[in-house]
Amino acid sequence: MLFDGEVDPDWDERRFLGDFYNEILHQDTCQPATADGLVLLAALAADDRIPARHRFEAVGLLFRAATVAERHLAESWPDTPQHADPDSEARAGSAVQAHVPDLLARWPAECPAVRLALAGLAVVFPTDRTLPALTPRLRTFTHQHPQGTDIGDYVRFVLVLATQDDDQILTVTEKLTDAFWTGTARGVPTRPRALHLLGQMLTKVGIGLTRAPAGQ
């Protein structure tokens, strides 16, 4: 049904996908079945029959599933996140990580929008191979989108995260949250604070991309 617009004249792919995504990561929380659902989500993200805007959303949801524990920790600190399910969160993170190499291998063939989401996923699961590749891969974005724009700030923050320098990451995280974004308690560890911010930025970038032509 996703691939054939003639199936049902009342078909609404966005409503279907919204319901589907909510079943996988219900209200941004992991459940025992979340990890299994992420396998389907990764398949959508890697299928060229899926429109670019939906592949972007699929990768974005993989990012949210992989970072849910850290993002919620940042929001609730020093309390324990409500509705936390550590076992399901760990399984979800492992499920996403298993698909990251194949998703990143699609980079050369992907449109700019999906590359933005993939960049966020790359710094969640950094490796000695992926981190050095981010700078040249994101160079076009830094040239086309100056600091102070949604995409420009997002890309530059991804590159800061790729340094794995906690002091630098903390400095930039605090600078950005003080200026534009919902902040977190200063006692929160650096990585959860940074991923909480990156999640907000990716969401805003996605909102902007939905207003542009597909693939832009």
C-alpha atoms as a PDB file:
ATOM      1  CA  MET A   1       0.000   0.000   0.000  1.00  0.00           C
ATOM      2  CA  LEU A   2       2.943   2.329   0.556  1.00  0.00           C
ATOM      3  CA  PHE A   3       4.075   1.823  -3.011  1.00  0.00           C
ATOM      4  CA  ASP A   4       0.793   1.828  -4.922  1.00  0.00           C
ATOM      5  CA  GLY A   5      -1.345   4.957  -4.863  1.00  0.00           C
ATOM      6  CA  GLU A   6      -4.117   3.137  -6.756  1.00  0.00           C
ATOM      7  CA  VAL A   7      -4.856   0.705  -3.933  1.00  0.00           C
ATOM      8  CA  ASP A   8      -7.306   2.888  -2.015  1.00  0.00           C
ATOM      9  CA  PRO A   9      -8.550   6.355  -3.001  1.00  0.00           C
ATOM     10  CA  ASP A  10      -8.815   7.271   0.698  1.00  0.00           C
ATOM     11  CA  TRP A  11      -5.278   6.100   1.450  1.00  0.00           C
ATOM     12  CA  ASP A  12      -3.290   8.525   3.600  1.00  0.00           C
ATOM     13  CA  GLU A  13       0.315   7.395   3.867  1.00  0.00           C
ATOM     14  CA  ARG A  14       1.294  10.050   6.398  1.00  0.00           C
ATOM     15  CA  ARG A  15      -1.508   9.073   8.776  1.00  0.00           C
ATOM     16  CA  PHE A  16      -0.632   5.405   8.405  1.00  0.00           C
ATOM     17  CA  LEU A  17       3.060   6.020   9.031  1.00  0.00           C
ATOM     18  CA  GLY A  18       2.278   8.240  12.012  1.00  0.00           C
ATOM     19  CA  ASP A  19       0.232   5.442  13.582  1.00  0.00           C
ATOM     20  CA  PHE A  20       2.888   2.892  12.650  1.00  0.00           C
ATOM     21  CA  TYR A  21       5.685   4.949  14.199  1.00  0.00           C
ATOM     22  CA  ASN A  22       3.635   5.480  17.351  1.00  0.00           C
ATOM     23  CA  GLU A  23       3.212   1.730  17.721  1.00  0.00           C
ATOM     24  CA  ILE A  24       6.982   1.260  17.525  1.00  0.00           C
ATOM     25  CA  LEU A  25       7.997   4.073  19.882  1.00  0.00           C
ATOM     26  CA  HIS A  26       4.800   4.849  21.757  1.00  0.00           C
ATOM     27  CA  GLN A  27       4.953   8.367  23.187  1.00  0.00           C
ATOM     28  CA  ASP A  28       8.739   8.268  22.831  1.00  0.00           C
ATOM     29  CA  THR A  29       9.107   5.264  25.125  1.00  0.00           C
ATOM     30  CA  CYS A  30      10.488   1.801  24.462  1.00  0.00           C
ATOM     31  CA  GLN A  31       8.452  -1.306  25.068  1.00  0.00           C
ATOM     32  CA  PRO A  32       9.368  -5.017  24.754  1.00  0.00           C
ATOM     33  CA  ALA A  33       8.258  -5.117  21.106  1.00  0.00           C
ATOM     34  CA  THR A  34      10.068  -1.917  20.094  1.00  0.00           C
ATOM     35  CA  ALA A  35      13.268  -3.659  19.011  1.00  0.00           C
ATOM     36  CA  ASP A  36      11.348  -5.934  16.637  1.00  0.00           C
ATOM     37  CA  GLY A  37       9.525  -2.960  15.135  1.00  0.00           C
ATOM     38  CA  LEU A  38      12.805  -1.175  14.495  1.00  0.00           C
ATOM     39  CA  VAL A  39      13.787  -3.931  12.061  1.00  0.00           C
ATOM     40  CA  LEU A  40      10.803  -2.933   9.917  1.00  0.00           C
ATOM     41  CA  LEU A  41      11.699   0.716  10.301  1.00  0.00           C
ATOM     42  CA  ALA A  42      15.265   0.103   9.113  1.00  0.00           C
ATOM     43  CA  ALA A  43      13.857  -1.704   6.080  1.00  0.00           C
ATOM     44  CA  LEU A  44      11.761   1.360   5.203  1.00  0.00           C
ATOM     45  CA  ALA A  45      14.767   3.648   5.687  1.00  0.00           C
ATOM     46  CA  ALA A  46      16.786   1.596   3.199  1.00  0.00           C
ATOM     47  CA  ASP A  47      14.090   1.173   0.524  1.00  0.00           C
ATOM     48  CA  ASP A  48      14.420   3.500  -2.458  1.00  0.00           C
ATOM     49  CA  ARG A  49      10.728   3.050  -3.240  1.00  0.00           C
ATOM     50  CA  ILE A  50       9.976   5.049  -0.082  1.00  0.00           C
ATOM     51  CA  PRO A  51       9.841   8.834  -0.669  1.00  0.00           C
ATOM     52  CA  ALA A  52      12.816  10.728   0.725  1.00  0.00           C
ATOM     53  CA  ARG A  53      10.753  12.557   3.345  1.00  0.00           C
ATOM     54  CA  HIS A  54       9.629   9.213   4.776  1.00  0.00           C
ATOM     55  CA  ARG A  55      13.145   7.772   4.735  1.00  0.00           C
ATOM     56  CA  PHE A  56      14.242  10.868   6.670  1.00  0.00           C
ATOM     57  CA  GLU A  57      11.494  10.265   9.224  1.00  0.00           C
ATOM     58  CA  ALA A  58      12.407   6.594   9.504  1.00  0.00           C
ATOM     59  CA  VAL A  59      16.063   7.381  10.214  1.00  0.00           C
ATOM     60  CA  GLY A  60      14.982  10.096  12.631  1.00  0.00           C
ATOM     61  CA  LEU A  61      12.849   7.616  14.546  1.00  0.00           C
ATOM     62  CA  LEU A  62      15.761   5.185  14.664  1.00  0.00           C
ATOM     63  CA  PHE A  63      17.785   8.021  16.213  1.00  0.00           C
ATOM     64  CA  ARG A  64      15.076   8.675  18.800  1.00  0.00           C
ATOM     65  CA  ALA A  65      14.772   4.999  19.678  1.00  0.00           C
ATOM     66  CA  ALA A  66      18.524   4.657  20.084  1.00  0.00           C
ATOM     67  CA  THR A  67      18.766   7.715  22.335  1.00  0.00           C
ATOM     68  CA  VAL A  68      15.553   7.498  24.329  1.00  0.00           C
ATOM     69  CA  ALA A  69      17.236   6.492  27.602  1.00  0.00           C
ATOM     70  CA  GLU A  70      19.803   9.290  27.458  1.00  0.00           C
ATOM     71  CA  ARG A  71      17.353  11.946  26.297  1.00  0.00           C
ATOM     72  CA  HIS A  72      14.869  11.087  29.040  1.00  0.00           C
ATOM     73  CA  LEU A  73      17.657  11.031  31.623  1.00  0.00           C
ATOM     74  CA  ALA A  74      18.578  14.551  30.568  1.00  0.00           C
ATOM     75  CA  GLU A  75      14.965  15.699  30.913  1.00  0.00           C
ATOM     76  CA  SER A  76      14.271  14.150  34.315  1.00  0.00           C
ATOM     77  CA  TRP A  77      17.655  14.525  36.052  1.00  0.00           C
ATOM     78  CA  PRO A  78      18.295  13.821  38.892  1.00  0.00           C
ATOM     79  CA  ASP A  79      15.130  11.722  39.056  1.00  0.00           C
ATOM     80  CA  THR A  80      14.662   8.427  37.259  1.00  0.00           C
ATOM     81  CA  PRO A  81      12.779   8.888  33.969  1.00  0.00           C
ATOM     82  CA  GLN A  82       9.117   7.960  34.164  1.00  0.00           C
ATOM     83  CA  HIS A  83       8.082   4.885  32.193  1.00  0.00           C
ATOM     84  CA  ALA A  84      11.718   3.835  31.788  1.00  0.00           C
ATOM     85  CA  ASP A  85      12.236   0.262  30.621  1.00  0.00           C
ATOM     86  CA  PRO A  86      16.008  -0.308  30.694  1.00  0.00           C
ATOM     87  CA  ASP A  87      15.858  -3.775  29.124  1.00  0.00           C
ATOM     88  CA  SER A  88      13.683  -2.638  26.220  1.00  0.00           C
ATOM     89  CA  GLU A  89      15.785   0.503  25.758  1.00  0.00           C
ATOM     90  CA  ALA A  90      18.971  -1.551  25.620  1.00  0.00           C
ATOM     91  CA  ARG A  91      17.454  -3.968  23.093  1.00  0.00           C
ATOM     92  CA  ALA A  92      16.247  -1.053  20.985  1.00  0.00           C
ATOM     93  CA  GLY A  93      19.696   0.517  20.994  1.00  0.00           C
ATOM     94  CA  SER A  94      21.292  -2.744  19.923  1.00  0.00           C
ATOM     95  CA  ALA A  95      18.691  -3.197  17.188  1.00  0.00           C
ATOM     96  CA  VAL A  96      19.443   0.235  15.752  1.00  0.00           C
ATOM     97  CA  GLN A  97      23.206  -0.238  16.032  1.00  0.00           C
ATOM     98  CA  ALA A  98      22.996  -3.457  14.029  1.00  0.00           C
ATOM     99  CA  HIS A  99      21.576  -1.525  11.056  1.00  0.00           C
ATOM    100  CA  VAL A 100      23.780   1.573  11.210  1.00  0.00           C
ATOM    101  CA  PRO A 101      26.605   0.244   8.968  1.00  0.00           C
ATOM    102  CA  ASP A 102      24.187  -0.660   6.161  1.00  0.00           C
ATOM    103  CA  LEU A 103      22.355   2.658   6.468  1.00  0.00           C
ATOM    104  CA  LEU A 104      25.568   4.687   6.417  1.00  0.00           C
ATOM    105  CA  ALA A 105      26.749   2.713   3.394  1.00  0.00           C
ATOM    106  CA  ARG A 106      23.838   4.292   1.514  1.00  0.00           C
ATOM    107  CA  TRP A 107      25.262   7.789   2.030  1.00  0.00           C
ATOM    108  CA  PRO A 108      26.630   8.311  -1.532  1.00  0.00           C
ATOM    109  CA  ALA A 109      23.252   7.476  -3.081  1.00  0.00           C
ATOM    110  CA  GLU A 110      21.088   9.293  -0.525  1.00  0.00           C
ATOM    111  CA  CYS A 111      19.503  12.720  -0.915  1.00  0.00           C
ATOM    112  CA  PRO A 112      20.707  15.626   1.269  1.00  0.00           C
ATOM    113  CA  ALA A 113      17.735  15.368   3.633  1.00  0.00           C
ATOM    114  CA  VAL A 114      18.369  11.746   4.564  1.00  0.00           C
ATOM    115  CA  ARG A 115      22.088  12.427   4.887  1.00  0.00           C
ATOM    116  CA  LEU A 116      21.298  14.925   7.643  1.00  0.00           C
ATOM    117  CA  ALA A 117      19.459  12.250   9.619  1.00  0.00           C
ATOM    118  CA  LEU A 118      22.202   9.696   8.969  1.00  0.00           C
ATOM    119  CA  ALA A 119      24.796  12.128  10.319  1.00  0.00           C
ATOM    120  CA  GLY A 120      22.935  12.257  13.614  1.00  0.00           C
ATOM    121  CA  LEU A 121      22.786   8.485  13.756  1.00  0.00           C
ATOM    122  CA  ALA A 122      26.511   8.252  13.035  1.00  0.00           C
ATOM    123  CA  VAL A 123      27.507  10.192  16.155  1.00  0.00           C
ATOM    124  CA  VAL A 124      25.225   8.092  18.349  1.00  0.00           C
ATOM    125  CA  PHE A 125      27.297   5.031  17.422  1.00  0.00           C
ATOM    126  CA  PRO A 126      30.751   6.470  16.694  1.00  0.00           C
ATOM    127  CA  THR A 127      33.502   4.323  15.209  1.00  0.00           C
ATOM    128  CA  ASP A 128      37.037   4.993  14.075  1.00  0.00           C
ATOM    129  CA  ARG A 129      35.766   4.734  10.521  1.00  0.00           C
ATOM    130  CA  THR A 130      32.609   6.832  10.636  1.00  0.00           C
ATOM    131  CA  LEU A 131      33.840   9.805  12.638  1.00  0.00           C
ATOM    132  CA  PRO A 132      36.681  10.871  10.306  1.00  0.00           C
ATOM    133  CA  ALA A 133      34.314  10.500   7.347  1.00  0.00           C
ATOM    134  CA  LEU A 134      31.784  12.973   8.714  1.00  0.00           C
ATOM    135  CA  THR A 135      33.811  16.133   8.102  1.00  0.00           C
ATOM    136  CA  PRO A 136      34.266  15.671   4.344  1.00  0.00           C
ATOM    137  CA  ARG A 137      30.756  14.282   4.008  1.00  0.00           C
ATOM    138  CA  LEU A 138      29.211  17.320   5.687  1.00  0.00           C
ATOM    139  CA  ARG A 139      31.428  19.933   4.034  1.00  0.00           C
ATOM    140  CA  THR A 140      28.792  20.800   1.432  1.00  0.00           C
ATOM    141  CA  PHE A 141      26.254  21.501   4.155  1.00  0.00           C
ATOM    142  CA  THR A 142      28.615  23.802   6.035  1.00  0.00           C
ATOM    143  CA  HIS A 143      29.298  25.719   2.821  1.00  0.00           C
ATOM    144  CA  GLN A 144      25.626  26.051   1.890  1.00  0.00           C
ATOM    145  CA  HIS A 145      24.092  26.582   5.341  1.00  0.00           C
ATOM    146  CA  PRO A 146      25.787  29.187   7.564  1.00  0.00           C
ATOM    147  CA  GLN A 147      25.873  29.165  11.316  1.00  0.00           C
ATOM    148  CA  GLY A 148      22.620  30.508  12.720  1.00  0.00           C
ATOM    149  CA  THR A 149      20.419  28.491  10.360  1.00  0.00           C
ATOM    150  CA  ASP A 150      18.687  25.311  11.509  1.00  0.00           C
ATOM    151  CA  ILE A 151      20.624  23.022   9.173  1.00  0.00           C
ATOM    152  CA  GLY A 152      23.882  24.939   9.622  1.00  0.00           C
ATOM    153  CA  ASP A 153      23.756  24.738  13.421  1.00  0.00           C
ATOM    154  CA  TYR A 154      22.706  21.090  13.347  1.00  0.00           C
ATOM    155  CA  VAL A 155      25.542  20.042  11.043  1.00  0.00           C
ATOM    156  CA  ARG A 156      28.140  21.985  12.997  1.00  0.00           C
ATOM    157  CA  PHE A 157      26.928  20.440  16.238  1.00  0.00           C
ATOM    158  CA  VAL A 158      27.200  16.965  14.719  1.00  0.00           C
ATOM    159  CA  LEU A 159      30.811  17.765  13.842  1.00  0.00           C
ATOM    160  CA  VAL A 160      31.456  18.896  17.419  1.00  0.00           C
ATOM    161  CA  LEU A 161      30.030  15.614  18.704  1.00  0.00           C
ATOM    162  CA  ALA A 162      32.306  13.774  16.295  1.00  0.00           C
ATOM    163  CA  THR A 163      35.344  15.217  18.069  1.00  0.00           C
ATOM    164  CA  GLN A 164      34.403  13.206  21.205  1.00  0.00           C
ATOM    165  CA  ASP A 165      35.920  16.060  23.211  1.00  0.00           C
ATOM    166  CA  ASP A 166      33.665  16.337  26.263  1.00  0.00           C
ATOM    167  CA  ASP A 167      34.845  19.835  27.166  1.00  0.00           C
ATOM    168  CA  GLN A 168      34.160  21.169  23.686  1.00  0.00           C
ATOM    169  CA  ILE A 169      30.851  19.316  23.442  1.00  0.00           C
ATOM    170  CA  LEU A 170      29.704  20.689  26.806  1.00  0.00           C
ATOM    171  CA  THR A 171      30.693  24.250  25.889  1.00  0.00           C
ATOM    172  CA  VAL A 172      28.803  24.177  22.588  1.00  0.00           C
ATOM    173  CA  THR A 173      25.802  22.394  24.133  1.00  0.00           C
ATOM    174  CA  GLU A 174      25.444  25.088  26.775  1.00  0.00           C
ATOM    175  CA  LYS A 175      25.945  27.876  24.251  1.00  0.00           C
ATOM    176  CA  LEU A 176      23.256  26.537  21.937  1.00  0.00           C
ATOM    177  CA  THR A 177      20.718  25.699  24.646  1.00  0.00           C
ATOM    178  CA  ASP A 178      21.157  29.090  26.311  1.00  0.00           C
ATOM    179  CA  ALA A 179      20.429  30.794  23.010  1.00  0.00           C
ATOM    180  CA  PHE A 180      17.780  28.735  21.258  1.00  0.00           C
ATOM    181  CA  TRP A 181      16.810  25.375  22.752  1.00  0.00           C
ATOM    182  CA  THR A 182      15.222  23.727  25.767  1.00  0.00           C
ATOM    183  CA  GLY A 183      18.054  23.220  28.206  1.00  0.00           C
ATOM    184  CA  THR A 184      18.719  20.538  30.798  1.00  0.00           C
ATOM    185  CA  ALA A 185      20.115  20.551  34.317  1.00  0.00           C
ATOM    186  CA  ARG A 186      23.816  21.316  34.423  1.00  0.00           C
ATOM    187  CA  GLY A 187      24.460  18.184  36.465  1.00  0.00           C
ATOM    188  CA  VAL A 188      23.395  15.913  33.611  1.00  0.00           C
ATOM    189  CA  PRO A 189      26.332  14.013  32.042  1.00  0.00           C
ATOM    190  CA  THR A 190      27.594  15.551  28.815  1.00  0.00           C
ATOM    191  CA  ARG A 191      26.475  12.861  26.370  1.00  0.00           C
ATOM    192  CA  PRO A 192      22.799  12.799  27.472  1.00  0.00           C
ATOM    193  CA  ARG A 193      22.705  16.601  27.416  1.00  0.00           C
ATOM    194  CA  ALA A 194      24.188  16.671  23.922  1.00  0.00           C
ATOM    195  CA  LEU A 195      21.868  13.985  22.531  1.00  0.00           C
ATOM    196  CA  HIS A 196      18.872  15.707  24.070  1.00  0.00           C
ATOM    197  CA  LEU A 197      19.861  18.865  22.191  1.00  0.00           C
ATOM    198  CA  LEU A 198      20.651  16.997  18.968  1.00  0.00           C
ATOM    199  CA  GLY A 199      17.213  15.372  19.079  1.00  0.00           C
ATOM    200  CA  GLN A 200      15.533  18.772  19.304  1.00  0.00           C
ATOM    201  CA  MET A 201      17.631  20.075  16.435  1.00  0.00           C
ATOM    202  CA  LEU A 202      16.889  17.081  14.207  1.00  0.00           C
ATOM    203  CA  THR A 203      13.165  17.485  14.833  1.00  0.00           C
ATOM    204  CA  LYS A 204      13.284  21.156  13.837  1.00  0.00           C
ATOM    205  CA  VAL A 205      15.339  20.394  10.740  1.00  0.00           C
ATOM    206  CA  GLY A 206      12.737  17.798   9.783  1.00  0.00           C
ATOM    207  CA  ILE A 207       9.916  20.304  10.153  1.00  0.00           C
ATOM    208  CA  GLY A 208      11.755  22.656   7.839  1.00  0.00           C
ATOM    209  CA  LEU A 209      12.402  19.941   5.287  1.00  0.00           C
ATOM    210  CA  THR A 210       8.726  19.022   5.064  1.00  0.00           C
ATOM    211  CA  ARG A 211       8.084  22.534   3.751  1.00  0.00           C
ATOM    212  CA  ALA A 212      10.656  22.117   0.981  1.00  0.00           C
ATOM    213  CA  PRO A 213      10.454  19.990  -2.179  1.00  0.00           C
ATOM    214  CA  ALA A 214      11.217  16.320  -1.611  1.00  0.00           C
ATOM    215  CA  GLY A 215      14.915  15.557  -1.597  1.00  0.00           C
ATOM    216  CA  GLN A 216      15.969  19.128  -0.896  1.00  0.00           C
END
